[in-house]
Amino acid sequence: MSTAPAGRPASSEYASYYENYISRVPEEDLVAALEDDRVTMLSLVRSIPESRADHRYEPGKWSIRQAVQHVVDTERVFGFRAFWFAREIPSPLPSFEQDDAVKGAPSATLLADVASEFDRVRQAHILFFRALEPDAWMRSGTASGKTFTVRALAAIAVGHSRHHAAILRERYL
């Protein structure tokens, strides 16, 4: 059973840029949402044949492999931010530039391995969030010059994954 405060994070708990992700998470139990999204994302990615991993829906766009690796990388960032703020470490965190991360990512990793990486990172985050004390969910900190609560970061992680799953379905598959 999750100890997360019920309800959607208030707009004061995250930067407005993230509303697109938060809006994709109507669930009140964020740990259950993380678990359900893990299963959904894994099913989607594992259904894509390796022969399509380098497909781009138009020139200059990320390949399927790069898009899925981006989800993994960003999952790590949101999880680290949640850890940092939940543990009440006062130092602000820097911005995360997604295009720099994509450029530095391995280009030959099998799509199945990227899916397994997502699975393990998400599972670790589920365990982390499940273990939080109730007051830790509302702790906050600064990243990219903006304030976020731990609760908002859990919702953002789910919404970000759902956002990219929709893009994969609509534009790549």
Protein backbone atom coordinates (compact mmCIF):
# COMPACT_ATOMS: atom_id res chain seq x y z
CA MET A 1 0.00 0.00 0.00
CA SER A 2 1.32 3.38 -0.99
CA THR A 3 1.76 6.17 1.53
CA ALA A 4 1.46 8.85 -1.14
CA PRO A 5 -0.90 11.73 -0.43
CA ALA A 6 -4.07 11.23 -2.43
CA GLY A 7 -4.82 13.30 -5.44
CA ARG A 8 -3.15 14.98 -8.31
CA PRO A 9 -0.26 17.30 -7.46
CA ALA A 10 -1.28 20.95 -7.28
CA SER A 11 0.12 23.26 -9.94
CA SER A 12 2.28 24.86 -7.25
CA GLU A 13 4.20 21.56 -6.88
CA TYR A 14 5.89 21.63 -10.30
CA ALA A 15 6.93 23.91 -13.15
CA SER A 16 4.12 24.65 -15.61
CA TYR A 17 6.10 22.96 -18.41
CA TYR A 18 5.27 19.60 -16.82
CA GLU A 19 1.46 20.04 -16.92
CA ASN A 20 1.34 17.95 -20.11
CA TYR A 21 2.77 15.00 -18.16
CA ILE A 22 0.80 15.55 -14.94
CA SER A 23 -2.44 15.74 -16.93
CA ARG A 24 -1.86 12.16 -18.11
CA VAL A 25 -2.00 10.82 -14.55
CA PRO A 26 -5.52 10.87 -13.09
CA GLU A 27 -4.77 8.10 -10.58
CA GLU A 28 -4.68 8.97 -6.89
CA ASP A 29 -2.25 6.15 -6.01
CA LEU A 30 1.00 7.13 -7.69
CA VAL A 31 2.83 3.94 -6.77
CA ALA A 32 0.09 1.90 -8.46
CA ALA A 33 0.29 4.26 -11.45
CA LEU A 34 4.06 3.70 -11.65
CA GLU A 35 3.50 -0.07 -11.54
CA ASP A 36 0.73 -0.07 -14.15
CA ASP A 37 2.70 2.21 -16.46
CA ARG A 38 5.75 -0.06 -16.13
CA VAL A 39 3.73 -3.01 -17.43
CA THR A 40 2.17 -0.98 -20.24
CA MET A 41 5.46 0.53 -21.43
CA LEU A 42 7.26 -2.82 -21.32
CA SER A 43 4.49 -4.48 -23.33
CA LEU A 44 4.66 -1.75 -25.95
CA VAL A 45 8.45 -1.71 -26.31
CA ARG A 46 8.75 -5.49 -26.28
CA SER A 47 6.22 -5.67 -29.12
CA ILE A 48 8.53 -3.68 -31.41
CA PRO A 49 10.85 -5.88 -33.48
CA GLU A 50 14.55 -5.08 -33.34
CA SER A 51 14.44 -4.52 -37.10
CA ARG A 52 12.38 -1.35 -36.40
CA ALA A 53 14.57 0.00 -33.57
CA ASP A 54 16.34 2.54 -35.78
CA HIS A 55 13.16 3.71 -37.52
CA ARG A 56 12.50 7.47 -37.45
CA TYR A 57 9.10 8.83 -38.39
CA GLU A 58 10.84 11.68 -40.21
CA PRO A 59 14.42 12.80 -40.81
CA GLY A 60 16.05 14.48 -37.84
CA LYS A 61 13.73 12.86 -35.28
CA TRP A 62 14.91 10.33 -32.73
CA SER A 63 14.82 6.66 -33.63
CA ILE A 64 12.59 4.31 -31.65
CA ARG A 65 15.69 3.12 -29.76
CA GLN A 66 16.66 6.70 -28.93
CA ALA A 67 13.14 7.60 -27.82
CA VAL A 68 12.96 4.62 -25.48
CA GLN A 69 16.47 5.33 -24.14
CA HIS A 70 15.32 8.91 -23.53
CA VAL A 71 12.46 7.56 -21.39
CA VAL A 72 14.97 5.54 -19.37
CA ASP A 73 17.36 8.49 -18.97
CA THR A 74 14.59 10.83 -17.92
CA GLU A 75 13.20 8.24 -15.51
CA ARG A 76 16.60 8.25 -13.80
CA VAL A 77 16.59 12.05 -13.60
CA PHE A 78 13.10 12.29 -12.09
CA GLY A 79 13.90 9.47 -9.67
CA PHE A 80 17.14 11.09 -8.57
CA ARG A 81 15.41 14.41 -8.06
CA ALA A 82 12.73 12.69 -5.95
CA PHE A 83 15.44 10.96 -3.87
CA TRP A 84 17.33 14.26 -3.40
CA PHE A 85 14.26 16.15 -2.26
CA ALA A 86 12.81 13.33 -0.13
CA ARG A 87 16.09 13.12 1.77
CA GLU A 88 15.99 16.90 2.28
CA ILE A 89 19.34 17.58 0.66
CA PRO A 90 19.29 21.37 0.33
CA SER A 91 21.48 21.85 -2.76
CA PRO A 92 19.60 22.72 -5.96
CA LEU A 93 19.94 20.36 -8.90
CA PRO A 94 20.95 21.36 -12.43
CA SER A 95 18.86 21.19 -15.57
CA PHE A 96 18.73 18.08 -17.70
CA GLU A 97 19.31 18.62 -21.40
CA GLN A 98 17.67 15.69 -23.18
CA ASP A 99 19.41 16.20 -26.52
CA ASP A 100 22.85 16.09 -24.88
CA ALA A 101 21.90 12.83 -23.15
CA VAL A 102 20.65 11.29 -26.40
CA LYS A 103 23.89 12.22 -28.17
CA GLY A 104 25.91 10.47 -25.47
CA ALA A 105 23.75 7.35 -25.27
CA PRO A 106 24.95 4.04 -26.70
CA SER A 107 23.67 3.59 -30.23
CA ALA A 108 23.91 -0.18 -30.63
CA THR A 109 22.12 -1.39 -27.50
CA LEU A 110 19.43 -3.91 -28.36
CA LEU A 111 15.92 -2.53 -27.92
CA ALA A 112 15.15 -5.50 -25.65
CA ASP A 113 18.03 -4.45 -23.41
CA VAL A 114 16.78 -0.86 -23.27
CA ALA A 115 13.37 -2.24 -22.27
CA SER A 116 15.00 -4.31 -19.53
CA GLU A 117 16.88 -1.24 -18.34
CA PHE A 118 13.60 0.70 -18.11
CA ASP A 119 12.07 -2.20 -16.18
CA ARG A 120 14.86 -2.27 -13.60
CA VAL A 121 15.06 1.51 -13.16
CA ARG A 122 11.29 1.79 -12.78
CA GLN A 123 11.20 -1.13 -10.35
CA ALA A 124 13.84 0.57 -8.22
CA HIS A 125 11.80 3.77 -8.22
CA ILE A 126 8.64 1.89 -7.24
CA LEU A 127 10.47 0.43 -4.25
CA PHE A 128 11.81 3.87 -3.34
CA PHE A 129 8.42 5.58 -3.51
CA ARG A 130 6.65 2.72 -1.72
CA ALA A 131 9.05 3.09 1.23
CA LEU A 132 8.60 6.85 1.67
CA GLU A 133 7.12 8.17 4.88
CA PRO A 134 3.91 10.15 4.26
CA ASP A 135 5.51 13.55 4.90
CA ALA A 136 8.35 12.86 2.45
CA TRP A 137 5.92 12.98 -0.50
CA MET A 138 5.36 16.69 0.07
CA ARG A 139 9.00 17.63 0.53
CA SER A 140 10.34 19.87 -2.17
CA GLY A 141 13.51 21.11 -3.77
CA THR A 142 14.84 22.99 -6.73
CA ALA A 143 15.85 21.58 -10.10
CA SER A 144 16.36 23.64 -13.24
CA GLY A 145 15.62 26.70 -11.13
CA LYS A 146 12.06 25.46 -10.42
CA THR A 147 10.45 23.98 -7.31
CA PHE A 148 9.09 20.41 -7.34
CA THR A 149 7.60 18.14 -4.70
CA VAL A 150 8.45 14.47 -4.51
CA ARG A 151 4.79 13.70 -5.25
CA ALA A 152 4.91 15.76 -8.43
CA LEU A 153 8.08 14.02 -9.60
CA ALA A 154 6.41 10.60 -9.23
CA ALA A 155 3.47 11.82 -11.32
CA ILE A 156 5.79 13.44 -13.87
CA ALA A 157 7.68 10.16 -14.32
CA VAL A 158 4.44 8.33 -15.12
CA GLY A 159 3.14 11.08 -17.37
CA HIS A 160 6.42 11.39 -19.25
CA SER A 161 6.43 7.67 -20.00
CA ARG A 162 2.79 7.81 -21.11
CA HIS A 163 3.56 10.81 -23.33
CA HIS A 164 6.32 8.94 -25.15
CA ALA A 165 4.28 5.73 -25.38
CA ALA A 166 1.58 7.75 -27.16
CA ILE A 167 4.17 9.21 -29.53
CA LEU A 168 5.54 5.75 -30.26
CA ARG A 169 2.05 4.45 -31.07
CA GLU A 170 0.96 7.49 -33.11
CA ARG A 171 4.09 8.34 -35.07
CA TYR A 172 6.37 5.30 -35.15
CA LEU A 173 4.19 2.20 -35.22
